[in-house]
Amino acid sequence: MMKIYIQETPLYLCEKAIDLGIDLDHPKVLVSKYTGKTKHLLNHIDLLEKNDKMKAVVLEYQNLDILVGDFLNLFKVLAAAGALVTNEAGEYLMIHRLGYWDLPKGKVEKGEAIRAAAVREIEEETGAKKVLLKNYLLTTFHTYKIKKKRYLKQTFWFSATAPTQDLVAQAEENIEQAIWMSFDKIDVGQDPIYRNILDVVEAALDAAADA
């Protein structure tokens, strides 16, 4: 299964929708069988780019590798890396950018190791020092368009720790705040948080519960 956020709505690519564990009978969940034609994929991508009323869209195909490959061929794929950083008080290192709560992350430079990129981006965006990267958590995907060209951001996420310290938000990256905070204090009604960030937090909580 591959989950991609398009305008904050998940598009699931899978072999069997029933295995996803989501409510397939919900009136705002669309389940469709992939025809193997690029136009069919584009129709669903266009639907999500122009309509934010859907809860989820699911595309089924008997060969997931082919479905994912056809999807990726429609985008320029960019690699990024970031982390959910926790201090000794159990607070998360959050950033606030362009009206959303987010986690520090950024583009992997050419020839740069993914883990090194994650640490560098955390340091650049928040000013944090002594960041210790730990376990890989998950990879998220989201799309965006620039001048009609479609991009797919593939972000590799890790857990990490750092001591409580003063932070400096990277203003040139439109970051207004870098702050230590408890996740339950984020008012998502007042300031939303990206859904892929919720996936990262869930993955971290699941990993902690299994430890």
N, C-alpha and C. Protein backbone atom coordinates (compact mmCIF):
# COMPACT_ATOMS: atom_id res chain seq x y z
N MET A 1 0.84 -1.19 0.00
CA MET A 1 0.00 0.00 0.00
C MET A 1 0.88 1.25 0.00
N MET A 2 0.44 2.26 -0.71
CA MET A 2 1.12 3.54 -0.69
C MET A 2 0.06 4.62 -0.45
N LYS A 3 0.32 5.51 0.51
CA LYS A 3 -0.62 6.60 0.80
C LYS A 3 0.03 7.92 0.43
N ILE A 4 -0.67 8.70 -0.38
CA ILE A 4 -0.17 9.98 -0.84
C ILE A 4 -1.18 11.05 -0.48
N TYR A 5 -0.73 12.13 0.13
CA TYR A 5 -1.63 13.24 0.42
C TYR A 5 -1.64 14.22 -0.75
N ILE A 6 -2.83 14.46 -1.26
CA ILE A 6 -3.03 15.45 -2.31
C ILE A 6 -4.01 16.48 -1.76
N GLN A 7 -3.55 17.68 -1.54
CA GLN A 7 -4.37 18.72 -0.91
C GLN A 7 -4.95 18.21 0.42
N GLU A 8 -4.14 17.52 1.19
CA GLU A 8 -4.49 17.03 2.53
C GLU A 8 -5.52 15.90 2.53
N THR A 9 -5.84 15.36 1.36
CA THR A 9 -6.72 14.20 1.27
C THR A 9 -5.89 13.00 0.85
N PRO A 10 -6.02 11.85 1.55
CA PRO A 10 -5.19 10.69 1.20
C PRO A 10 -5.70 9.96 -0.04
N LEU A 11 -4.76 9.65 -0.92
CA LEU A 11 -4.99 8.76 -2.05
C LEU A 11 -4.25 7.47 -1.72
N TYR A 12 -4.98 6.37 -1.65
CA TYR A 12 -4.40 5.07 -1.35
C TYR A 12 -4.22 4.27 -2.64
N LEU A 13 -3.02 3.78 -2.87
CA LEU A 13 -2.76 2.85 -3.97
C LEU A 13 -2.56 1.48 -3.34
N CYS A 14 -3.35 0.50 -3.77
CA CYS A 14 -3.30 -0.79 -3.11
C CYS A 14 -3.77 -1.91 -4.04
N GLU A 15 -3.57 -3.13 -3.59
CA GLU A 15 -4.08 -4.28 -4.35
C GLU A 15 -5.49 -4.64 -3.91
N LYS A 16 -5.78 -4.52 -2.60
CA LYS A 16 -7.11 -4.81 -2.08
C LYS A 16 -7.52 -3.74 -1.09
N ALA A 17 -8.56 -3.00 -1.43
CA ALA A 17 -9.00 -1.91 -0.57
C ALA A 17 -9.44 -2.40 0.80
N ILE A 18 -9.97 -3.60 0.86
CA ILE A 18 -10.48 -4.13 2.12
C ILE A 18 -9.39 -4.29 3.17
N ASP A 19 -8.12 -4.37 2.71
CA ASP A 19 -7.00 -4.54 3.63
C ASP A 19 -6.55 -3.23 4.27
N LEU A 20 -7.09 -2.09 3.83
CA LEU A 20 -6.62 -0.79 4.32
C LEU A 20 -7.08 -0.49 5.74
N GLY A 21 -8.20 -1.05 6.16
CA GLY A 21 -8.70 -0.78 7.49
C GLY A 21 -9.40 0.56 7.63
N ILE A 22 -9.90 1.12 6.52
CA ILE A 22 -10.65 2.37 6.57
C ILE A 22 -12.11 2.09 6.21
N ASP A 23 -12.98 3.06 6.48
CA ASP A 23 -14.40 2.89 6.21
C ASP A 23 -14.67 3.08 4.72
N LEU A 24 -14.72 1.98 3.99
CA LEU A 24 -14.92 2.05 2.54
C LEU A 24 -16.35 2.40 2.16
N ASP A 25 -17.27 2.30 3.11
CA ASP A 25 -18.67 2.61 2.83
C ASP A 25 -19.03 4.06 3.11
N HIS A 26 -18.07 4.82 3.59
CA HIS A 26 -18.32 6.24 3.86
C HIS A 26 -18.68 6.95 2.56
N PRO A 27 -19.70 7.81 2.58
CA PRO A 27 -20.13 8.47 1.33
C PRO A 27 -19.07 9.34 0.68
N LYS A 28 -18.05 9.73 1.44
CA LYS A 28 -17.00 10.57 0.87
C LYS A 28 -15.71 9.80 0.61
N VAL A 29 -15.82 8.47 0.59
CA VAL A 29 -14.69 7.62 0.21
C VAL A 29 -14.98 7.01 -1.15
N LEU A 30 -14.10 7.26 -2.10
CA LEU A 30 -14.25 6.73 -3.45
C LEU A 30 -13.29 5.57 -3.65
N VAL A 31 -13.82 4.42 -4.05
CA VAL A 31 -13.01 3.25 -4.35
C VAL A 31 -13.14 2.94 -5.83
N SER A 32 -12.01 2.84 -6.50
CA SER A 32 -12.02 2.64 -7.95
C SER A 32 -10.96 1.61 -8.33
N LYS A 33 -11.24 0.83 -9.36
CA LYS A 33 -10.28 -0.14 -9.88
C LYS A 33 -9.48 0.51 -11.01
N TYR A 34 -8.17 0.50 -10.87
CA TYR A 34 -7.29 1.11 -11.87
C TYR A 34 -7.40 0.36 -13.19
N THR A 35 -7.58 1.12 -14.26
CA THR A 35 -7.75 0.52 -15.60
C THR A 35 -6.43 0.23 -16.29
N GLY A 36 -5.33 0.72 -15.71
CA GLY A 36 -4.04 0.55 -16.36
C GLY A 36 -3.70 1.67 -17.31
N LYS A 37 -4.57 2.68 -17.39
CA LYS A 37 -4.36 3.80 -18.30
C LYS A 37 -4.02 5.06 -17.52
N THR A 38 -3.03 5.79 -18.02
CA THR A 38 -2.58 7.00 -17.34
C THR A 38 -3.71 8.00 -17.15
N LYS A 39 -4.60 8.09 -18.12
CA LYS A 39 -5.71 9.04 -18.03
C LYS A 39 -6.56 8.76 -16.79
N HIS A 40 -6.71 7.48 -16.46
CA HIS A 40 -7.49 7.12 -15.28
C HIS A 40 -6.83 7.65 -14.01
N LEU A 41 -5.52 7.52 -13.92
CA LEU A 41 -4.79 8.07 -12.78
C LEU A 41 -4.93 9.59 -12.71
N LEU A 42 -4.77 10.24 -13.84
CA LEU A 42 -4.84 11.70 -13.89
C LEU A 42 -6.21 12.21 -13.48
N ASN A 43 -7.26 11.48 -13.84
CA ASN A 43 -8.61 11.88 -13.46
C ASN A 43 -8.76 11.92 -11.94
N HIS A 44 -8.19 10.92 -11.27
CA HIS A 44 -8.29 10.88 -9.81
C HIS A 44 -7.39 11.93 -9.16
N ILE A 45 -6.23 12.16 -9.73
CA ILE A 45 -5.35 13.22 -9.21
C ILE A 45 -6.02 14.58 -9.37
N ASP A 46 -6.61 14.83 -10.54
CA ASP A 46 -7.32 16.09 -10.78
C ASP A 46 -8.47 16.27 -9.80
N LEU A 47 -9.18 15.19 -9.52
CA LEU A 47 -10.30 15.25 -8.57
C LEU A 47 -9.83 15.76 -7.22
N LEU A 48 -8.72 15.24 -6.75
CA LEU A 48 -8.23 15.63 -5.43
C LEU A 48 -7.58 17.01 -5.44
N GLU A 49 -7.00 17.41 -6.55
CA GLU A 49 -6.40 18.74 -6.63
C GLU A 49 -7.46 19.84 -6.66
N LYS A 50 -8.64 19.51 -7.15
CA LYS A 50 -9.69 20.52 -7.33
C LYS A 50 -10.82 20.41 -6.31
N ASN A 51 -10.81 19.35 -5.50
CA ASN A 51 -11.93 19.09 -4.60
C ASN A 51 -11.39 18.65 -3.24
N ASP A 52 -11.70 19.42 -2.21
CA ASP A 52 -11.23 19.06 -0.87
C ASP A 52 -12.35 18.47 -0.02
N LYS A 53 -13.40 18.01 -0.66
CA LYS A 53 -14.56 17.47 0.05
C LYS A 53 -14.47 15.97 0.30
N MET A 54 -13.54 15.30 -0.34
CA MET A 54 -13.42 13.86 -0.19
C MET A 54 -12.72 13.51 1.13
N LYS A 55 -13.10 12.36 1.68
CA LYS A 55 -12.41 11.86 2.87
C LYS A 55 -11.20 11.03 2.47
N ALA A 56 -11.33 10.27 1.39
CA ALA A 56 -10.23 9.46 0.86
C ALA A 56 -10.61 8.95 -0.52
N VAL A 57 -9.58 8.67 -1.30
CA VAL A 57 -9.76 8.03 -2.61
C VAL A 57 -8.86 6.81 -2.64
N VAL A 58 -9.40 5.69 -3.11
CA VAL A 58 -8.67 4.42 -3.13
C VAL A 58 -8.63 3.91 -4.56
N LEU A 59 -7.43 3.56 -5.02
CA LEU A 59 -7.26 2.92 -6.32
C LEU A 59 -6.72 1.52 -6.11
N GLU A 60 -7.42 0.53 -6.64
CA GLU A 60 -7.03 -0.87 -6.54
C GLU A 60 -6.44 -1.35 -7.86
N TYR A 61 -5.45 -2.23 -7.76
CA TYR A 61 -4.92 -2.89 -8.95
C TYR A 61 -4.24 -4.18 -8.51
N GLN A 62 -4.29 -5.18 -9.37
CA GLN A 62 -3.77 -6.50 -8.97
C GLN A 62 -2.26 -6.52 -8.82
N ASN A 63 -1.57 -5.54 -9.39
CA ASN A 63 -0.11 -5.47 -9.27
C ASN A 63 0.26 -4.09 -8.73
N LEU A 64 0.58 -4.03 -7.44
CA LEU A 64 0.85 -2.75 -6.80
C LEU A 64 2.08 -2.07 -7.40
N ASP A 65 3.10 -2.84 -7.76
CA ASP A 65 4.32 -2.26 -8.32
C ASP A 65 4.02 -1.49 -9.60
N ILE A 66 3.17 -2.04 -10.44
CA ILE A 66 2.82 -1.36 -11.69
C ILE A 66 2.02 -0.09 -11.40
N LEU A 67 1.05 -0.19 -10.48
CA LEU A 67 0.24 0.97 -10.13
C LEU A 67 1.11 2.10 -9.57
N VAL A 68 1.99 1.77 -8.64
CA VAL A 68 2.86 2.79 -8.05
C VAL A 68 3.80 3.36 -9.11
N GLY A 69 4.36 2.49 -9.96
CA GLY A 69 5.26 2.96 -11.01
C GLY A 69 4.57 3.93 -11.96
N ASP A 70 3.35 3.61 -12.36
CA ASP A 70 2.60 4.49 -13.25
C ASP A 70 2.31 5.83 -12.57
N PHE A 71 2.02 5.79 -11.28
CA PHE A 71 1.76 7.03 -10.54
C PHE A 71 3.03 7.88 -10.47
N LEU A 72 4.14 7.27 -10.12
CA LEU A 72 5.39 8.02 -9.97
C LEU A 72 5.83 8.66 -11.28
N ASN A 73 5.50 8.04 -12.39
CA ASN A 73 5.89 8.58 -13.69
C ASN A 73 5.22 9.91 -14.01
N LEU A 74 4.19 10.25 -13.27
CA LEU A 74 3.46 11.51 -13.50
C LEU A 74 4.03 12.67 -12.69
N PHE A 75 5.05 12.39 -11.88
CA PHE A 75 5.59 13.41 -10.97
C PHE A 75 7.11 13.47 -11.04
N LYS A 76 7.63 14.64 -10.67
CA LYS A 76 9.05 14.75 -10.37
C LYS A 76 9.18 14.46 -8.87
N VAL A 77 9.91 13.42 -8.53
CA VAL A 77 10.01 12.98 -7.14
C VAL A 77 11.19 13.67 -6.45
N LEU A 78 10.93 14.28 -5.30
CA LEU A 78 11.96 14.96 -4.51
C LEU A 78 12.07 14.30 -3.16
N ALA A 79 13.29 14.01 -2.73
CA ALA A 79 13.52 13.37 -1.44
C ALA A 79 13.74 14.42 -0.36
N ALA A 80 13.15 14.17 0.81
CA ALA A 80 13.33 15.04 1.96
C ALA A 80 13.51 14.18 3.20
N ALA A 81 13.96 14.81 4.28
CA ALA A 81 14.16 14.08 5.53
C ALA A 81 13.87 15.00 6.71
N GLY A 82 13.35 14.40 7.78
CA GLY A 82 13.05 15.17 8.97
C GLY A 82 12.90 14.25 10.16
N ALA A 83 12.52 14.82 11.29
CA ALA A 83 12.42 14.00 12.50
C ALA A 83 11.42 14.59 13.49
N LEU A 84 10.90 13.70 14.31
CA LEU A 84 10.13 14.09 15.48
C LEU A 84 11.12 14.10 16.65
N VAL A 85 11.50 15.29 17.07
CA VAL A 85 12.52 15.47 18.10
C VAL A 85 11.85 15.66 19.46
N THR A 86 12.29 14.90 20.44
CA THR A 86 11.73 14.96 21.78
C THR A 86 12.80 15.41 22.78
N ASN A 87 12.42 16.28 23.73
CA ASN A 87 13.36 16.67 24.77
C ASN A 87 13.17 15.82 26.02
N GLU A 88 13.91 16.11 27.08
CA GLU A 88 13.86 15.28 28.29
C GLU A 88 12.52 15.39 29.01
N ALA A 89 11.72 16.43 28.68
CA ALA A 89 10.40 16.59 29.29
C ALA A 89 9.31 15.91 28.46
N GLY A 90 9.71 15.28 27.37
CA GLY A 90 8.73 14.62 26.52
C GLY A 90 8.02 15.55 25.57
N GLU A 91 8.51 16.79 25.45
CA GLU A 91 7.91 17.75 24.53
C GLU A 91 8.48 17.56 23.12
N TYR A 92 7.70 17.93 22.12
CA TYR A 92 8.11 17.81 20.73
C TYR A 92 8.66 19.14 20.22
N LEU A 93 9.62 19.05 19.32
CA LEU A 93 10.16 20.23 18.67
C LEU A 93 9.29 20.52 17.45
N MET A 94 8.42 21.53 17.55
CA MET A 94 7.47 21.87 16.50
C MET A 94 7.86 23.19 15.84
N ILE A 95 7.47 23.34 14.59
CA ILE A 95 7.62 24.62 13.92
C ILE A 95 6.25 25.08 13.43
N HIS A 96 6.09 26.38 13.28
CA HIS A 96 4.86 26.96 12.77
C HIS A 96 5.21 27.74 11.51
N ARG A 97 4.59 27.33 10.40
CA ARG A 97 4.95 27.93 9.12
C ARG A 97 3.70 28.08 8.26
N LEU A 98 3.48 29.29 7.77
CA LEU A 98 2.39 29.56 6.83
C LEU A 98 1.04 29.06 7.33
N GLY A 99 0.81 29.27 8.63
CA GLY A 99 -0.49 28.93 9.19
C GLY A 99 -0.67 27.50 9.63
N TYR A 100 0.37 26.69 9.53
CA TYR A 100 0.28 25.27 9.91
C TYR A 100 1.37 24.91 10.92
N TRP A 101 1.03 23.99 11.82
CA TRP A 101 2.04 23.34 12.63
C TRP A 101 2.71 22.25 11.81
N ASP A 102 4.00 22.12 11.99
CA ASP A 102 4.78 21.21 11.16
C ASP A 102 5.95 20.69 11.99
N LEU A 103 6.70 19.77 11.41
CA LEU A 103 7.94 19.29 12.00
C LEU A 103 9.10 19.70 11.10
N PRO A 104 10.29 19.92 11.68
CA PRO A 104 11.44 20.30 10.85
C PRO A 104 11.81 19.20 9.87
N LYS A 105 11.99 19.61 8.64
CA LYS A 105 12.32 18.67 7.56
C LYS A 105 12.81 19.50 6.38
N GLY A 106 13.40 18.82 5.39
CA GLY A 106 13.83 19.54 4.21
C GLY A 106 14.46 18.64 3.18
N LYS A 107 14.82 19.23 2.08
CA LYS A 107 15.32 18.52 0.91
C LYS A 107 16.66 17.84 1.20
N VAL A 108 16.79 16.62 0.69
CA VAL A 108 18.07 15.91 0.74
C VAL A 108 18.93 16.42 -0.42
N GLU A 109 20.08 16.96 -0.11
CA GLU A 109 20.95 17.49 -1.15
C GLU A 109 21.62 16.36 -1.93
N LYS A 110 22.06 16.67 -3.12
CA LYS A 110 22.72 15.69 -3.97
C LYS A 110 23.96 15.11 -3.27
N GLY A 111 24.02 13.79 -3.17
CA GLY A 111 25.14 13.12 -2.54
C GLY A 111 25.08 13.07 -1.02
N GLU A 112 24.03 13.65 -0.44
CA GLU A 112 23.91 13.70 1.02
C GLU A 112 23.18 12.47 1.54
N ALA A 113 23.65 11.93 2.66
CA ALA A 113 22.97 10.81 3.30
C ALA A 113 21.66 11.30 3.90
N ILE A 114 20.65 10.44 3.88
CA ILE A 114 19.32 10.83 4.35
C ILE A 114 19.34 11.22 5.82
N ARG A 115 20.01 10.44 6.65
CA ARG A 115 20.05 10.76 8.08
C ARG A 115 20.79 12.07 8.33
N ALA A 116 21.85 12.31 7.58
CA ALA A 116 22.58 13.57 7.72
C ALA A 116 21.71 14.75 7.32
N ALA A 117 20.90 14.56 6.28
CA ALA A 117 20.01 15.62 5.82
C ALA A 117 18.98 15.96 6.90
N ALA A 118 18.46 14.93 7.57
CA ALA A 118 17.48 15.16 8.63
C ALA A 118 18.06 16.03 9.74
N VAL A 119 19.26 15.70 10.20
CA VAL A 119 19.90 16.48 11.27
C VAL A 119 20.19 17.90 10.80
N ARG A 120 20.72 18.03 9.59
CA ARG A 120 21.04 19.37 9.07
C ARG A 120 19.79 20.25 9.02
N GLU A 121 18.69 19.70 8.50
CA GLU A 121 17.47 20.48 8.37
C GLU A 121 16.92 20.89 9.73
N ILE A 122 16.98 20.00 10.71
CA ILE A 122 16.53 20.35 12.05
C ILE A 122 17.35 21.51 12.60
N GLU A 123 18.66 21.43 12.43
CA GLU A 123 19.54 22.48 12.93
C GLU A 123 19.29 23.80 12.22
N GLU A 124 19.11 23.75 10.89
CA GLU A 124 18.91 24.98 10.13
C GLU A 124 17.56 25.63 10.43
N GLU A 125 16.51 24.82 10.54
CA GLU A 125 15.17 25.39 10.69
C GLU A 125 14.84 25.82 12.11
N THR A 126 15.52 25.23 13.10
CA THR A 126 15.17 25.53 14.50
C THR A 126 16.32 26.04 15.34
N GLY A 127 17.54 25.91 14.84
CA GLY A 127 18.70 26.31 15.63
C GLY A 127 19.08 25.30 16.70
N ALA A 128 18.41 24.17 16.74
CA ALA A 128 18.67 23.15 17.77
C ALA A 128 20.06 22.55 17.60
N LYS A 129 20.71 22.27 18.72
CA LYS A 129 22.02 21.62 18.73
C LYS A 129 21.92 20.29 19.47
N LYS A 130 22.95 19.47 19.27
CA LYS A 130 23.05 18.16 19.93
C LYS A 130 21.83 17.28 19.61
N VAL A 131 21.43 17.32 18.35
CA VAL A 131 20.32 16.48 17.90
C VAL A 131 20.85 15.07 17.68
N LEU A 132 20.23 14.10 18.34
CA LEU A 132 20.64 12.71 18.21
C LEU A 132 19.54 11.95 17.48
N LEU A 133 19.83 11.58 16.25
CA LEU A 133 18.86 10.84 15.45
C LEU A 133 18.80 9.39 15.93
N LYS A 134 17.60 8.87 16.01
CA LYS A 134 17.41 7.49 16.49
C LYS A 134 16.83 6.62 15.40
N ASN A 135 15.62 6.12 15.61
CA ASN A 135 15.06 5.12 14.71
C ASN A 135 14.30 5.73 13.54
N TYR A 136 14.32 5.02 12.42
CA TYR A 136 13.47 5.35 11.29
C TYR A 136 12.02 5.08 11.69
N LEU A 137 11.12 5.99 11.34
CA LEU A 137 9.70 5.83 11.68
C LEU A 137 8.86 5.41 10.48
N LEU A 138 8.87 6.22 9.45
CA LEU A 138 8.07 5.94 8.25
C LEU A 138 8.45 6.92 7.16
N THR A 139 7.90 6.69 5.97
CA THR A 139 8.06 7.60 4.85
C THR A 139 6.69 8.12 4.45
N THR A 140 6.56 9.43 4.31
CA THR A 140 5.29 10.02 3.88
C THR A 140 5.44 10.61 2.49
N PHE A 141 4.30 10.78 1.83
CA PHE A 141 4.27 11.33 0.48
C PHE A 141 3.19 12.40 0.40
N HIS A 142 3.53 13.53 -0.22
CA HIS A 142 2.51 14.52 -0.54
C HIS A 142 2.88 15.22 -1.84
N THR A 143 1.89 15.74 -2.51
CA THR A 143 2.11 16.34 -3.83
C THR A 143 1.86 17.84 -3.78
N TYR A 144 2.42 18.53 -4.77
CA TYR A 144 2.13 19.94 -4.98
C TYR A 144 2.46 20.28 -6.43
N LYS A 145 2.01 21.45 -6.86
CA LYS A 145 2.23 21.89 -8.24
C LYS A 145 2.91 23.25 -8.25
N ILE A 146 3.84 23.42 -9.16
CA ILE A 146 4.47 24.71 -9.43
C ILE A 146 4.42 24.93 -10.93
N LYS A 147 3.69 25.96 -11.35
CA LYS A 147 3.56 26.28 -12.78
C LYS A 147 3.14 25.05 -13.59
N LYS A 148 2.11 24.39 -13.10
CA LYS A 148 1.48 23.25 -13.76
C LYS A 148 2.33 21.98 -13.76
N LYS A 149 3.51 22.03 -13.17
CA LYS A 149 4.34 20.83 -13.06
C LYS A 149 4.09 20.18 -11.71
N ARG A 150 3.87 18.86 -11.73
CA ARG A 150 3.52 18.14 -10.51
C ARG A 150 4.78 17.59 -9.83
N TYR A 151 4.83 17.76 -8.51
CA TYR A 151 5.94 17.26 -7.70
C TYR A 151 5.40 16.33 -6.63
N LEU A 152 6.18 15.31 -6.31
CA LEU A 152 5.86 14.39 -5.22
C LEU A 152 7.00 14.46 -4.21
N LYS A 153 6.69 14.90 -2.99
CA LYS A 153 7.70 14.99 -1.93
C LYS A 153 7.68 13.67 -1.14
N GLN A 154 8.80 12.98 -1.16
CA GLN A 154 8.97 11.74 -0.41
C GLN A 154 9.83 12.07 0.81
N THR A 155 9.21 12.03 2.00
CA THR A 155 9.92 12.45 3.21
C THR A 155 10.19 11.26 4.12
N PHE A 156 11.46 11.09 4.46
CA PHE A 156 11.90 10.03 5.36
C PHE A 156 11.94 10.60 6.78
N TRP A 157 11.21 9.96 7.69
CA TRP A 157 11.07 10.48 9.05
C TRP A 157 11.76 9.57 10.06
N PHE A 158 12.35 10.22 11.07
CA PHE A 158 13.05 9.51 12.14
C PHE A 158 12.58 10.04 13.49
N SER A 159 12.81 9.26 14.52
CA SER A 159 12.70 9.79 15.89
C SER A 159 14.06 10.36 16.27
N ALA A 160 14.06 11.32 17.19
CA ALA A 160 15.31 11.96 17.60
C ALA A 160 15.13 12.56 18.98
N THR A 161 16.24 12.87 19.62
CA THR A 161 16.22 13.56 20.90
C THR A 161 17.16 14.76 20.84
N ALA A 162 16.88 15.72 21.68
CA ALA A 162 17.76 16.88 21.85
C ALA A 162 17.46 17.49 23.20
N PRO A 163 18.45 18.09 23.86
CA PRO A 163 18.19 18.73 25.15
C PRO A 163 17.36 20.00 24.98
N THR A 164 16.58 20.33 26.02
CA THR A 164 15.84 21.58 26.01
C THR A 164 16.81 22.74 25.84
N GLN A 165 16.48 23.65 24.95
CA GLN A 165 17.38 24.77 24.63
C GLN A 165 16.59 25.86 23.94
N ASP A 166 17.17 27.04 23.88
CA ASP A 166 16.56 28.12 23.12
C ASP A 166 16.63 27.80 21.64
N LEU A 167 15.59 28.18 20.92
CA LEU A 167 15.48 27.86 19.50
C LEU A 167 15.41 29.14 18.68
N VAL A 168 15.83 29.05 17.43
CA VAL A 168 15.80 30.20 16.53
C VAL A 168 15.13 29.75 15.23
N ALA A 169 13.94 30.28 14.96
CA ALA A 169 13.20 29.91 13.75
C ALA A 169 13.89 30.49 12.52
N GLN A 170 13.94 29.69 11.46
CA GLN A 170 14.58 30.11 10.21
C GLN A 170 13.61 30.96 9.39
N ALA A 171 13.71 32.27 9.54
CA ALA A 171 12.74 33.18 8.93
C ALA A 171 12.75 33.10 7.41
N GLU A 172 13.93 32.87 6.81
CA GLU A 172 14.01 32.83 5.36
C GLU A 172 13.26 31.65 4.77
N GLU A 173 12.89 30.67 5.61
CA GLU A 173 12.07 29.54 5.17
C GLU A 173 10.62 29.71 5.63
N ASN A 174 10.26 30.95 5.94
CA ASN A 174 8.89 31.30 6.34
C ASN A 174 8.46 30.61 7.64
N ILE A 175 9.42 30.29 8.49
CA ILE A 175 9.11 29.68 9.78
C ILE A 175 8.95 30.80 10.81
N GLU A 176 7.74 30.90 11.37
CA GLU A 176 7.46 31.96 12.33
C GLU A 176 7.84 31.57 13.76
N GLN A 177 7.76 30.27 14.05
CA GLN A 177 8.05 29.80 15.41
C GLN A 177 8.77 28.46 15.35
N ALA A 178 9.69 28.28 16.28
CA ALA A 178 10.26 26.97 16.58
C ALA A 178 10.13 26.84 18.09
N ILE A 179 9.43 25.81 18.56
CA ILE A 179 9.03 25.78 19.96
C ILE A 179 8.95 24.35 20.47
N TRP A 180 9.26 24.18 21.75
CA TRP A 180 9.02 22.90 22.42
C TRP A 180 7.59 22.92 22.94
N MET A 181 6.83 21.90 22.65
CA MET A 181 5.46 21.89 23.14
C MET A 181 4.91 20.47 23.24
N SER A 182 3.96 20.29 24.13
CA SER A 182 3.26 19.02 24.24
C SER A 182 2.27 18.93 23.09
N PHE A 183 2.20 17.77 22.48
CA PHE A 183 1.35 17.62 21.31
C PHE A 183 -0.11 17.91 21.62
N ASP A 184 -0.55 17.58 22.84
CA ASP A 184 -1.96 17.78 23.17
C ASP A 184 -2.32 19.25 23.36
N LYS A 185 -1.32 20.13 23.31
CA LYS A 185 -1.60 21.56 23.44
C LYS A 185 -1.75 22.25 22.09
N ILE A 186 -1.59 21.51 21.01
CA ILE A 186 -1.78 22.09 19.69
C ILE A 186 -3.27 22.22 19.42
N ASP A 187 -3.74 23.42 19.20
CA ASP A 187 -5.15 23.66 18.90
C ASP A 187 -5.33 23.57 17.39
N VAL A 188 -5.68 22.37 16.92
CA VAL A 188 -5.78 22.16 15.47
C VAL A 188 -6.97 22.90 14.88
N GLY A 189 -7.91 23.32 15.72
CA GLY A 189 -9.02 24.12 15.20
C GLY A 189 -8.58 25.54 14.90
N GLN A 190 -7.66 26.05 15.71
CA GLN A 190 -7.15 27.40 15.51
C GLN A 190 -6.01 27.42 14.48
N ASP A 191 -5.08 26.50 14.63
CA ASP A 191 -3.94 26.40 13.72
C ASP A 191 -3.80 24.94 13.31
N PRO A 192 -4.15 24.60 12.10
CA PRO A 192 -4.15 23.19 11.68
C PRO A 192 -2.75 22.60 11.61
N ILE A 193 -2.71 21.28 11.58
CA ILE A 193 -1.46 20.55 11.44
C ILE A 193 -1.60 19.63 10.23
N TYR A 194 -0.54 19.51 9.45
CA TYR A 194 -0.60 18.67 8.26
C TYR A 194 -0.88 17.23 8.65
N ARG A 195 -1.69 16.55 7.83
CA ARG A 195 -2.11 15.19 8.18
C ARG A 195 -0.94 14.21 8.15
N ASN A 196 0.05 14.45 7.29
CA ASN A 196 1.19 13.55 7.31
C ASN A 196 2.00 13.68 8.60
N ILE A 197 1.94 14.86 9.23
CA ILE A 197 2.61 15.04 10.52
C ILE A 197 1.90 14.22 11.59
N LEU A 198 0.58 14.15 11.52
CA LEU A 198 -0.17 13.29 12.44
C LEU A 198 0.25 11.83 12.26
N ASP A 199 0.52 11.43 11.02
CA ASP A 199 0.99 10.06 10.76
C ASP A 199 2.34 9.82 11.42
N VAL A 200 3.21 10.83 11.38
CA VAL A 200 4.53 10.70 12.01
C VAL A 200 4.39 10.53 13.52
N VAL A 201 3.56 11.36 14.12
CA VAL A 201 3.35 11.26 15.57
C VAL A 201 2.77 9.90 15.94
N GLU A 202 1.80 9.44 15.16
CA GLU A 202 1.19 8.13 15.43
C GLU A 202 2.23 7.01 15.32
N ALA A 203 3.10 7.10 14.31
CA ALA A 203 4.14 6.09 14.15
C ALA A 203 5.10 6.09 15.34
N ALA A 204 5.42 7.28 15.84
CA ALA A 204 6.33 7.39 16.98
C ALA A 204 5.68 6.82 18.25
N LEU A 205 4.40 7.11 18.45
CA LEU A 205 3.70 6.57 19.61
C LEU A 205 3.59 5.05 19.54
N ASP A 206 3.32 4.55 18.35
CA ASP A 206 3.25 3.09 18.17
C ASP A 206 4.60 2.43 18.46
N ALA A 207 5.69 3.07 17.98
CA ALA A 207 7.02 2.52 18.20
C ALA A 207 7.36 2.53 19.69
N ALA A 208 6.95 3.59 20.40
CA ALA A 208 7.22 3.67 21.83
C ALA A 208 6.43 2.61 22.59
N ALA A 209 5.21 2.35 22.15
CA ALA A 209 4.38 1.35 22.82
C ALA A 209 4.93 -0.06 22.62
N ASP A 210 5.58 -0.29 21.47
CA ASP A 210 6.13 -1.61 21.17
C ASP A 210 7.49 -1.84 21.80
N ALA A 211 8.13 -0.77 22.24
CA ALA A 211 9.50 -0.88 22.78
C ALA A 211 9.52 -1.62 24.12
